[in-house]
PDB file of N, CA and C in Angstrom:
ATOM      1  N   UNK A   1     -73.412 -24.304 197.032  1.00  0.00           N
ATOM      2  CA  UNK A   1     -73.856 -22.931 196.956  1.00  0.00           C
ATOM      3  C   UNK A   1     -72.702 -21.973 197.241  1.00  0.00           C
ATOM      4  N   UNK A   2     -71.868 -22.371 198.199  1.00  0.00           N
ATOM      5  CA  UNK A   2     -70.737 -21.534 198.561  1.00  0.00           C
ATOM      6  C   UNK A   2     -69.771 -21.378 197.390  1.00  0.00           C
ATOM      7  N   UNK A   3     -69.549 -22.459 196.674  1.00  0.00           N
ATOM      8  CA  UNK A   3     -68.629 -22.397 195.541  1.00  0.00           C
ATOM      9  C   UNK A   3     -69.192 -21.536 194.419  1.00  0.00           C
ATOM     10  N   UNK A   4     -70.510 -21.536 194.263  1.00  0.00           N
ATOM     11  CA  UNK A   4     -71.142 -20.709 193.244  1.00  0.00           C
ATOM     12  C   UNK A   4     -70.894 -19.228 193.531  1.00  0.00           C
ATOM     13  N   UNK A   5     -71.058 -18.804 194.783  1.00  0.00           N
ATOM     14  CA  UNK A   5     -70.799 -17.414 195.155  1.00  0.00           C
ATOM     15  C   UNK A   5     -69.319 -17.076 194.993  1.00  0.00           C
ATOM     16  N   UNK A   6     -68.456 -18.031 195.316  1.00  0.00           N
ATOM     17  CA  UNK A   6     -67.020 -17.799 195.174  1.00  0.00           C
ATOM     18  C   UNK A   6     -66.663 -17.608 193.704  1.00  0.00           C
ATOM     19  N   UNK A   7     -67.269 -18.410 192.820  1.00  0.00           N
ATOM     20  CA  UNK A   7     -67.001 -18.273 191.394  1.00  0.00           C
ATOM     21  C   UNK A   7     -67.510 -16.929 190.872  1.00  0.00           C
ATOM     22  N   UNK A   8     -68.704 -16.559 191.265  1.00  0.00           N
ATOM     23  CA  UNK A   8     -69.248 -15.272 190.836  1.00  0.00           C
ATOM     24  C   UNK A   8     -68.400 -14.112 191.338  1.00  0.00           C
ATOM     25  N   UNK A   9     -67.955 -14.227 192.568  1.00  0.00           N
ATOM     26  CA  UNK A   9     -67.137 -13.165 193.143  1.00  0.00           C
ATOM     27  C   UNK A   9     -65.805 -13.046 192.410  1.00  0.00           C
ATOM     28  N   UNK A  10     -65.208 -14.202 192.084  1.00  0.00           N
ATOM     29  CA  UNK A  10     -63.935 -14.177 191.366  1.00  0.00           C
ATOM     30  C   UNK A  10     -64.107 -13.574 189.973  1.00  0.00           C
ATOM     31  N   UNK A  11     -65.208 -13.896 189.313  1.00  0.00           N
ATOM     32  CA  UNK A  11     -65.447 -13.339 187.988  1.00  0.00           C
ATOM     33  C   UNK A  11     -65.597 -11.829 188.056  1.00  0.00           C
ATOM     34  N   UNK A  12     -66.281 -11.348 189.062  1.00  0.00           N
ATOM     35  CA  UNK A  12     -66.471  -9.900 189.157  1.00  0.00           C
ATOM     36  C   UNK A  12     -65.145  -9.196 189.428  1.00  0.00           C
ATOM     37  N   UNK A  13     -64.268  -9.849 190.206  1.00  0.00           N
ATOM     38  CA  UNK A  13     -62.961  -9.254 190.453  1.00  0.00           C
ATOM     39  C   UNK A  13     -62.157  -9.168 189.159  1.00  0.00           C
ATOM     40  N   UNK A  14     -62.190 -10.225 188.371  1.00  0.00           N
ATOM     41  CA  UNK A  14     -61.420 -10.209 187.130  1.00  0.00           C
ATOM     42  C   UNK A  14     -61.984  -9.172 186.164  1.00  0.00           C
ATOM     43  N   UNK A  15     -63.285  -9.012 186.164  1.00  0.00           N
ATOM     44  CA  UNK A  15     -63.893  -7.999 185.309  1.00  0.00           C
ATOM     45  C   UNK A  15     -63.471  -6.614 185.762  1.00  0.00           C
ATOM     46  N   UNK A  16     -63.453  -6.386 187.063  1.00  0.00           N
ATOM     47  CA  UNK A  16     -63.027  -5.086 187.587  1.00  0.00           C
ATOM     48  C   UNK A  16     -61.567  -4.820 187.261  1.00  0.00           C
ATOM     49  N   UNK A  17     -60.741  -5.831 187.381  1.00  0.00           N
ATOM     50  CA  UNK A  17     -59.313  -5.668 187.089  1.00  0.00           C
ATOM     51  C   UNK A  17     -59.121  -5.334 185.616  1.00  0.00           C
ATOM     52  N   UNK A  18     -59.840  -6.021 184.753  1.00  0.00           N
ATOM     53  CA  UNK A  18     -59.737  -5.755 183.322  1.00  0.00           C
ATOM     54  C   UNK A  18     -60.211  -4.334 183.018  1.00  0.00           C
ATOM     55  N   UNK A  19     -61.285  -3.933 183.675  1.00  0.00           N
ATOM     56  CA  UNK A  19     -61.797  -2.586 183.444  1.00  0.00           C
ATOM     57  C   UNK A  19     -60.819  -1.531 183.942  1.00  0.00           C
ATOM     58  N   UNK A  20     -60.119  -1.816 185.027  1.00  0.00           N
ATOM     59  CA  UNK A  20     -59.172  -0.842 185.566  1.00  0.00           C
ATOM     60  C   UNK A  20     -57.898  -0.771 184.730  1.00  0.00           C
ATOM     61  N   UNK A  21     -57.487  -1.898 184.141  1.00  0.00           N
ATOM     62  CA  UNK A  21     -56.254  -1.899 183.368  1.00  0.00           C
ATOM     63  C   UNK A  21     -56.468  -1.451 181.930  1.00  0.00           C
ATOM     64  N   UNK A  22     -57.706  -1.252 181.536  1.00  0.00           N
ATOM     65  CA  UNK A  22     -57.996  -0.795 180.185  1.00  0.00           C
ATOM     66  C   UNK A  22     -57.423   0.614 180.011  1.00  0.00           C
ATOM     67  N   UNK A  23     -56.617   0.864 178.984  1.00  0.00           N
ATOM     68  CA  UNK A  23     -55.993   2.179 178.847  1.00  0.00           C
ATOM     69  C   UNK A  23     -57.027   3.267 178.567  1.00  0.00           C
ATOM     70  N   UNK A  24     -56.814   4.390 179.194  1.00  0.00           N
ATOM     71  CA  UNK A  24     -57.714   5.518 178.992  1.00  0.00           C
ATOM     72  C   UNK A  24     -57.471   6.131 177.618  1.00  0.00           C
ATOM     73  N   UNK A  25     -58.509   6.653 177.031  1.00  0.00           N
ATOM     74  CA  UNK A  25     -58.390   7.280 175.714  1.00  0.00           C
ATOM     75  C   UNK A  25     -57.732   8.639 175.900  1.00  0.00           C
ATOM     76  N   UNK A  26     -56.610   8.823 175.272  1.00  0.00           N
ATOM     77  CA  UNK A  26     -55.910  10.092 175.372  1.00  0.00           C
ATOM     78  C   UNK A  26     -55.964  10.799 174.031  1.00  0.00           C
ATOM     79  N   UNK A  27     -55.989  12.114 174.054  1.00  0.00           N
ATOM     80  CA  UNK A  27     -56.014  12.836 172.783  1.00  0.00           C
ATOM     81  C   UNK A  27     -54.728  12.586 171.996  1.00  0.00           C
ATOM     82  N   UNK A  28     -54.882  12.389 170.713  1.00  0.00           N
ATOM     83  CA  UNK A  28     -53.723  12.125 169.872  1.00  0.00           C
ATOM     84  C   UNK A  28     -52.903  13.399 169.696  1.00  0.00           C
ATOM     85  N   UNK A  29     -51.607  13.313 169.889  1.00  0.00           N
ATOM     86  CA  UNK A  29     -50.789  14.496 169.666  1.00  0.00           C
ATOM     87  C   UNK A  29     -50.746  14.844 168.187  1.00  0.00           C
ATOM     88  N   UNK A  30     -51.131  16.029 167.868  1.00  0.00           N
ATOM     89  CA  UNK A  30     -51.174  16.443 166.476  1.00  0.00           C
ATOM     90  C   UNK A  30     -50.158  17.559 166.271  1.00  0.00           C
ATOM     91  N   UNK A  31     -49.222  17.327 165.379  1.00  0.00           N
ATOM     92  CA  UNK A  31     -48.180  18.321 165.157  1.00  0.00           C
ATOM     93  C   UNK A  31     -48.729  19.561 164.472  1.00  0.00           C
ATOM     94  N   UNK A  32     -49.741  19.417 163.641  1.00  0.00           N
ATOM     95  CA  UNK A  32     -50.291  20.545 162.919  1.00  0.00           C
ATOM     96  C   UNK A  32     -51.104  21.486 163.792  1.00  0.00           C
ATOM     97  N   UNK A  33     -51.630  21.002 164.886  1.00  0.00           N
ATOM     98  CA  UNK A  33     -52.477  21.823 165.746  1.00  0.00           C
ATOM     99  C   UNK A  33     -51.671  22.822 166.568  1.00  0.00           C
ATOM    100  N   UNK A  34     -50.375  22.610 166.706  1.00  0.00           N
ATOM    101  CA  UNK A  34     -49.550  23.510 167.513  1.00  0.00           C
ATOM    102  C   UNK A  34     -49.425  24.891 166.875  1.00  0.00           C
ATOM    103  N   UNK A  35     -49.475  24.961 165.563  1.00  0.00           N
ATOM    104  CA  UNK A  35     -49.279  26.213 164.848  1.00  0.00           C
ATOM    105  C   UNK A  35     -50.548  27.025 164.695  1.00  0.00           C
ATOM    106  N   UNK A  36     -51.696  26.484 165.088  1.00  0.00           N
ATOM    107  CA  UNK A  36     -52.945  27.194 164.877  1.00  0.00           C
ATOM    108  C   UNK A  36     -53.136  28.281 165.922  1.00  0.00           C
ATOM    109  N   UNK A  37     -53.566  29.444 165.448  1.00  0.00           N
ATOM    110  CA  UNK A  37     -53.828  30.572 166.341  1.00  0.00           C
ATOM    111  C   UNK A  37     -55.268  31.016 166.152  1.00  0.00           C
ATOM    112  N   UNK A  38     -55.818  31.650 167.176  1.00  0.00           N
ATOM    113  CA  UNK A  38     -57.200  32.118 167.117  1.00  0.00           C
ATOM    114  C   UNK A  38     -57.280  33.434 166.351  1.00  0.00           C
ATOM    115  N   UNK A  39     -58.516  33.855 166.120  1.00  0.00           N
ATOM    116  CA  UNK A  39     -58.774  35.079 165.351  1.00  0.00           C
ATOM    117  C   UNK A  39     -58.123  36.292 166.009  1.00  0.00           C
ATOM    118  N   UNK A  40     -58.238  36.424 167.330  1.00  0.00           N
ATOM    119  CA  UNK A  40     -57.674  37.600 168.001  1.00  0.00           C
ATOM    120  C   UNK A  40     -56.163  37.669 167.837  1.00  0.00           C
ATOM    121  N   UNK A  41     -55.503  36.528 167.939  1.00  0.00           N
ATOM    122  CA  UNK A  41     -54.049  36.504 167.746  1.00  0.00           C
ATOM    123  C   UNK A  41     -53.697  36.828 166.297  1.00  0.00           C
ATOM    124  N   UNK A  42     -54.504  36.338 165.359  1.00  0.00           N
ATOM    125  CA  UNK A  42     -54.269  36.624 163.943  1.00  0.00           C
ATOM    126  C   UNK A  42     -54.444  38.109 163.665  1.00  0.00           C
ATOM    127  N   UNK A  43     -55.435  38.730 164.302  1.00  0.00           N
ATOM    128  CA  UNK A  43     -55.657  40.160 164.123  1.00  0.00           C
ATOM    129  C   UNK A  43     -54.461  40.965 164.634  1.00  0.00           C
ATOM    130  N   UNK A  44     -53.906  40.547 165.763  1.00  0.00           N
ATOM    131  CA  UNK A  44     -52.732  41.242 166.304  1.00  0.00           C
ATOM    132  C   UNK A  44     -51.509  41.029 165.415  1.00  0.00           C
ATOM    133  N   UNK A  45     -51.384  39.812 164.876  1.00  0.00           N
ATOM    134  CA  UNK A  45     -50.230  39.485 164.041  1.00  0.00           C
ATOM    135  C   UNK A  45     -50.221  40.302 162.758  1.00  0.00           C
ATOM    136  N   UNK A  46     -51.365  40.409 162.110  1.00  0.00           N
ATOM    137  CA  UNK A  46     -51.471  41.145 160.847  1.00  0.00           C
ATOM    138  C   UNK A  46     -51.716  42.635 161.077  1.00  0.00           C
ATOM    139  N   UNK A  47     -52.173  42.976 162.289  1.00  0.00           N
ATOM    140  CA  UNK A  47     -52.545  44.358 162.618  1.00  0.00           C
ATOM    141  C   UNK A  47     -53.682  44.827 161.722  1.00  0.00           C
ATOM    142  N   UNK A  48     -54.737  43.987 161.680  1.00  0.00           N
ATOM    143  CA  UNK A  48     -55.906  44.293 160.868  1.00  0.00           C
ATOM    144  C   UNK A  48     -57.156  43.843 161.621  1.00  0.00           C
ATOM    145  N   UNK A  49     -58.306  44.263 161.143  1.00  0.00           N
ATOM    146  CA  UNK A  49     -59.571  43.897 161.774  1.00  0.00           C
ATOM    147  C   UNK A  49     -59.980  42.479 161.368  1.00  0.00           C
ATOM    148  N   UNK A  50     -60.981  41.951 162.061  1.00  0.00           N
ATOM    149  CA  UNK A  50     -61.457  40.587 161.789  1.00  0.00           C
ATOM    150  C   UNK A  50     -61.977  40.420 160.357  1.00  0.00           C
ATOM    151  N   UNK A  51     -62.773  41.363 159.843  1.00  0.00           N
ATOM    152  CA  UNK A  51     -63.216  41.186 158.457  1.00  0.00           C
ATOM    153  C   UNK A  51     -62.071  41.148 157.449  1.00  0.00           C
ATOM    154  N   UNK A  52     -61.017  41.898 157.713  1.00  0.00           N
ATOM    155  CA  UNK A  52     -59.863  41.902 156.813  1.00  0.00           C
ATOM    156  C   UNK A  52     -59.127  40.570 156.868  1.00  0.00           C
ATOM    157  N   UNK A  53     -58.969  40.025 158.067  1.00  0.00           N
ATOM    158  CA  UNK A  53     -58.312  38.720 158.215  1.00  0.00           C
ATOM    159  C   UNK A  53     -59.104  37.662 157.474  1.00  0.00           C
ATOM    160  N   UNK A  54     -60.427  37.678 157.611  1.00  0.00           N
ATOM    161  CA  UNK A  54     -61.276  36.714 156.903  1.00  0.00           C
ATOM    162  C   UNK A  54     -61.218  36.913 155.395  1.00  0.00           C
ATOM    163  N   UNK A  55     -61.167  38.166 154.961  1.00  0.00           N
ATOM    164  CA  UNK A  55     -61.110  38.458 153.527  1.00  0.00           C
ATOM    165  C   UNK A  55     -59.837  37.887 152.901  1.00  0.00           C
ATOM    166  N   UNK A  56     -58.692  38.077 153.577  1.00  0.00           N
ATOM    167  CA  UNK A  56     -57.439  37.540 153.055  1.00  0.00           C
ATOM    168  C   UNK A  56     -57.482  36.011 152.996  1.00  0.00           C
ATOM    169  N   UNK A  57     -58.118  35.377 153.979  1.00  0.00           N
ATOM    170  CA  UNK A  57     -58.246  33.916 153.959  1.00  0.00           C
ATOM    171  C   UNK A  57     -59.133  33.484 152.790  1.00  0.00           C
ATOM    172  N   UNK A  58     -60.215  34.213 152.559  1.00  0.00           N
ATOM    173  CA  UNK A  58     -61.123  33.887 151.459  1.00  0.00           C
ATOM    174  C   UNK A  58     -60.435  34.075 150.112  1.00  0.00           C
ATOM    175  N   UNK A  59     -59.553  35.068 150.009  1.00  0.00           N
ATOM    176  CA  UNK A  59     -58.826  35.311 148.765  1.00  0.00           C
ATOM    177  C   UNK A  59     -57.711  34.291 148.530  1.00  0.00           C
ATOM    178  N   UNK A  60     -57.392  33.481 149.542  1.00  0.00           N
ATOM    179  CA  UNK A  60     -56.431  32.406 149.358  1.00  0.00           C
ATOM    180  C   UNK A  60     -55.014  32.723 149.798  1.00  0.00           C
ATOM    181  N   UNK A  61     -54.803  33.796 150.531  1.00  0.00           N
ATOM    182  CA  UNK A  61     -53.457  34.116 150.994  1.00  0.00           C
ATOM    183  C   UNK A  61     -52.990  33.144 152.074  1.00  0.00           C
ATOM    184  N   UNK A  62     -53.922  32.626 152.870  1.00  0.00           N
ATOM    185  CA  UNK A  62     -53.648  31.610 153.876  1.00  0.00           C
ATOM    186  C   UNK A  62     -54.954  30.877 154.141  1.00  0.00           C
ATOM    187  N   UNK A  63     -54.855  29.727 154.822  1.00  0.00           N
ATOM    188  CA  UNK A  63     -56.038  28.896 155.056  1.00  0.00           C
ATOM    189  C   UNK A  63     -56.737  29.278 156.350  1.00  0.00           C
ATOM    190  N   UNK A  64     -58.022  29.030 156.342  1.00  0.00           N
ATOM    191  CA  UNK A  64     -58.857  29.241 157.526  1.00  0.00           C
ATOM    192  C   UNK A  64     -59.365  27.873 157.967  1.00  0.00           C
ATOM    193  N   UNK A  65     -59.152  27.534 159.218  1.00  0.00           N
ATOM    194  CA  UNK A  65     -59.585  26.250 159.754  1.00  0.00           C
ATOM    195  C   UNK A  65     -60.764  26.497 160.677  1.00  0.00           C
ATOM    196  N   UNK A  66     -61.930  25.948 160.316  1.00  0.00           N
ATOM    197  CA  UNK A  66     -63.160  26.159 161.087  1.00  0.00           C
ATOM    198  C   UNK A  66     -63.529  24.889 161.844  1.00  0.00           C
ATOM    199  N   UNK A  67     -63.839  25.067 163.118  1.00  0.00           N
ATOM    200  CA  UNK A  67     -64.360  24.004 163.964  1.00  0.00           C
ATOM    201  C   UNK A  67     -65.698  24.499 164.487  1.00  0.00           C
ATOM    202  N   UNK A  68     -66.751  24.168 163.773  1.00  0.00           N
ATOM    203  CA  UNK A  68     -68.065  24.695 164.113  1.00  0.00           C
ATOM    204  C   UNK A  68     -68.286  26.017 163.399  1.00  0.00           C
ATOM    205  N   UNK A  69     -69.290  26.744 163.841  1.00  0.00           N
ATOM    206  CA  UNK A  69     -69.611  28.008 163.173  1.00  0.00           C
ATOM    207  C   UNK A  69     -68.702  29.154 163.596  1.00  0.00           C
ATOM    208  N   UNK A  70     -68.395  29.231 164.874  1.00  0.00           N
ATOM    209  CA  UNK A  70     -67.699  30.405 165.375  1.00  0.00           C
ATOM    210  C   UNK A  70     -66.227  30.185 165.703  1.00  0.00           C
ATOM    211  N   UNK A  71     -65.805  28.958 165.857  1.00  0.00           N
ATOM    212  CA  UNK A  71     -64.434  28.682 166.244  1.00  0.00           C
ATOM    213  C   UNK A  71     -63.552  28.632 164.998  1.00  0.00           C
ATOM    214  N   UNK A  72     -62.720  29.652 164.815  1.00  0.00           N
ATOM    215  CA  UNK A  72     -61.900  29.798 163.618  1.00  0.00           C
ATOM    216  C   UNK A  72     -60.436  29.896 164.031  1.00  0.00           C
ATOM    217  N   UNK A  73     -59.590  29.140 163.337  1.00  0.00           N
ATOM    218  CA  UNK A  73     -58.151  29.173 163.579  1.00  0.00           C
ATOM    219  C   UNK A  73     -57.417  29.451 162.277  1.00  0.00           C
ATOM    220  N   UNK A  74     -56.212  29.957 162.406  1.00  0.00           N
ATOM    221  CA  UNK A  74     -55.339  30.230 161.266  1.00  0.00           C
ATOM    222  C   UNK A  74     -53.967  29.652 161.573  1.00  0.00           C
ATOM    223  N   UNK A  75     -53.257  29.239 160.531  1.00  0.00           N
ATOM    224  CA  UNK A  75     -51.917  28.695 160.688  1.00  0.00           C
ATOM    225  C   UNK A  75     -50.923  29.847 160.811  1.00  0.00           C
ATOM    226  N   UNK A  76     -50.174  29.861 161.904  1.00  0.00           N
ATOM    227  CA  UNK A  76     -49.226  30.955 162.168  1.00  0.00           C
ATOM    228  C   UNK A  76     -48.164  31.047 161.076  1.00  0.00           C
ATOM    229  N   UNK A  77     -47.635  29.914 160.615  1.00  0.00           N
ATOM    230  CA  UNK A  77     -46.586  29.932 159.591  1.00  0.00           C
ATOM    231  C   UNK A  77     -47.095  30.513 158.273  1.00  0.00           C
ATOM    232  N   UNK A  78     -48.312  30.120 157.880  1.00  0.00           N
ATOM    233  CA  UNK A  78     -48.885  30.650 156.640  1.00  0.00           C
ATOM    234  C   UNK A  78     -49.088  32.158 156.747  1.00  0.00           C
ATOM    235  N   UNK A  79     -49.510  32.622 157.899  1.00  0.00           N
ATOM    236  CA  UNK A  79     -49.726  34.060 158.067  1.00  0.00           C
ATOM    237  C   UNK A  79     -48.396  34.823 158.059  1.00  0.00           C
ATOM    238  N   UNK A  80     -47.381  34.260 158.684  1.00  0.00           N
ATOM    239  CA  UNK A  80     -46.073  34.913 158.670  1.00  0.00           C
ATOM    240  C   UNK A  80     -45.495  34.941 157.255  1.00  0.00           C
ATOM    241  N   UNK A  81     -45.698  33.872 156.491  1.00  0.00           N
ATOM    242  CA  UNK A  81     -45.251  33.871 155.090  1.00  0.00           C
ATOM    243  C   UNK A  81     -45.990  34.927 154.286  1.00  0.00           C
ATOM    244  N   UNK A  82     -47.285  35.103 154.563  1.00  0.00           N
ATOM    245  CA  UNK A  82     -48.072  36.127 153.889  1.00  0.00           C
ATOM    246  C   UNK A  82     -47.531  37.522 154.215  1.00  0.00           C
ATOM    247  N   UNK A  83     -47.191  37.738 155.483  1.00  0.00           N
ATOM    248  CA  UNK A  83     -46.661  39.054 155.881  1.00  0.00           C
ATOM    249  C   UNK A  83     -45.321  39.312 155.217  1.00  0.00           C
ATOM    250  N   UNK A  84     -44.445  38.313 155.228  1.00  0.00           N
ATOM    251  CA  UNK A  84     -43.097  38.486 154.656  1.00  0.00           C
ATOM    252  C   UNK A  84     -43.126  38.646 153.141  1.00  0.00           C
ATOM    253  N   UNK A  85     -44.061  37.978 152.475  1.00  0.00           N
ATOM    254  CA  UNK A  85     -44.099  38.056 151.026  1.00  0.00           C
ATOM    255  C   UNK A  85     -44.788  39.323 150.515  1.00  0.00           C
ATOM    256  N   UNK A  86     -45.477  40.008 151.375  1.00  0.00           N
ATOM    257  CA  UNK A  86     -46.184  41.210 150.944  1.00  0.00           C
ATOM    258  C   UNK A  86     -47.556  40.871 150.389  1.00  0.00           C
ATOM    259  N   UNK A  87     -48.139  41.773 149.649  1.00  0.00           N
ATOM    260  CA  UNK A  87     -49.491  41.558 149.150  1.00  0.00           C
ATOM    261  C   UNK A  87     -49.550  40.626 147.958  1.00  0.00           C
ATOM    262  N   UNK A  88     -48.421  40.312 147.319  1.00  0.00           N
ATOM    263  CA  UNK A  88     -48.431  39.430 146.150  1.00  0.00           C
ATOM    264  C   UNK A  88     -48.072  38.001 146.520  1.00  0.00           C
ATOM    265  N   UNK A  89     -48.374  37.560 147.735  1.00  0.00           N
ATOM    266  CA  UNK A  89     -48.031  36.212 148.192  1.00  0.00           C
ATOM    267  C   UNK A  89     -49.072  35.170 147.887  1.00  0.00           C
ATOM    268  N   UNK A  90     -50.044  35.494 147.037  1.00  0.00           N
ATOM    269  CA  UNK A  90     -51.100  34.532 146.725  1.00  0.00           C
ATOM    270  C   UNK A  90     -50.534  33.393 145.894  1.00  0.00           C
ATOM    271  N   UNK A  91     -50.970  32.170 146.253  1.00  0.00           N
ATOM    272  CA  UNK A  91     -50.476  30.976 145.552  1.00  0.00           C
ATOM    273  C   UNK A  91     -51.226  30.745 144.270  1.00  0.00           C
TER     274      UNK A  91
END
């Protein structure tokens, strides 16, 4: 009986050790996510209102990245290219 408890105890220790050494899930580093800015930052960058920023994205001057209904991001580089190229920067 004593050996049975010893075996069970040893198994539980090994299970705990395996569970502790299991690597934690870390968020993947994404190079593209660094350039994304929120709507408020985009409004300041273009010096325009939110509907205007959305309108330019809808017209194809730059991309709009949506995460859910309300969370909207824009690529900073695309917006800067739009500003530098003027109003005829549509692809």
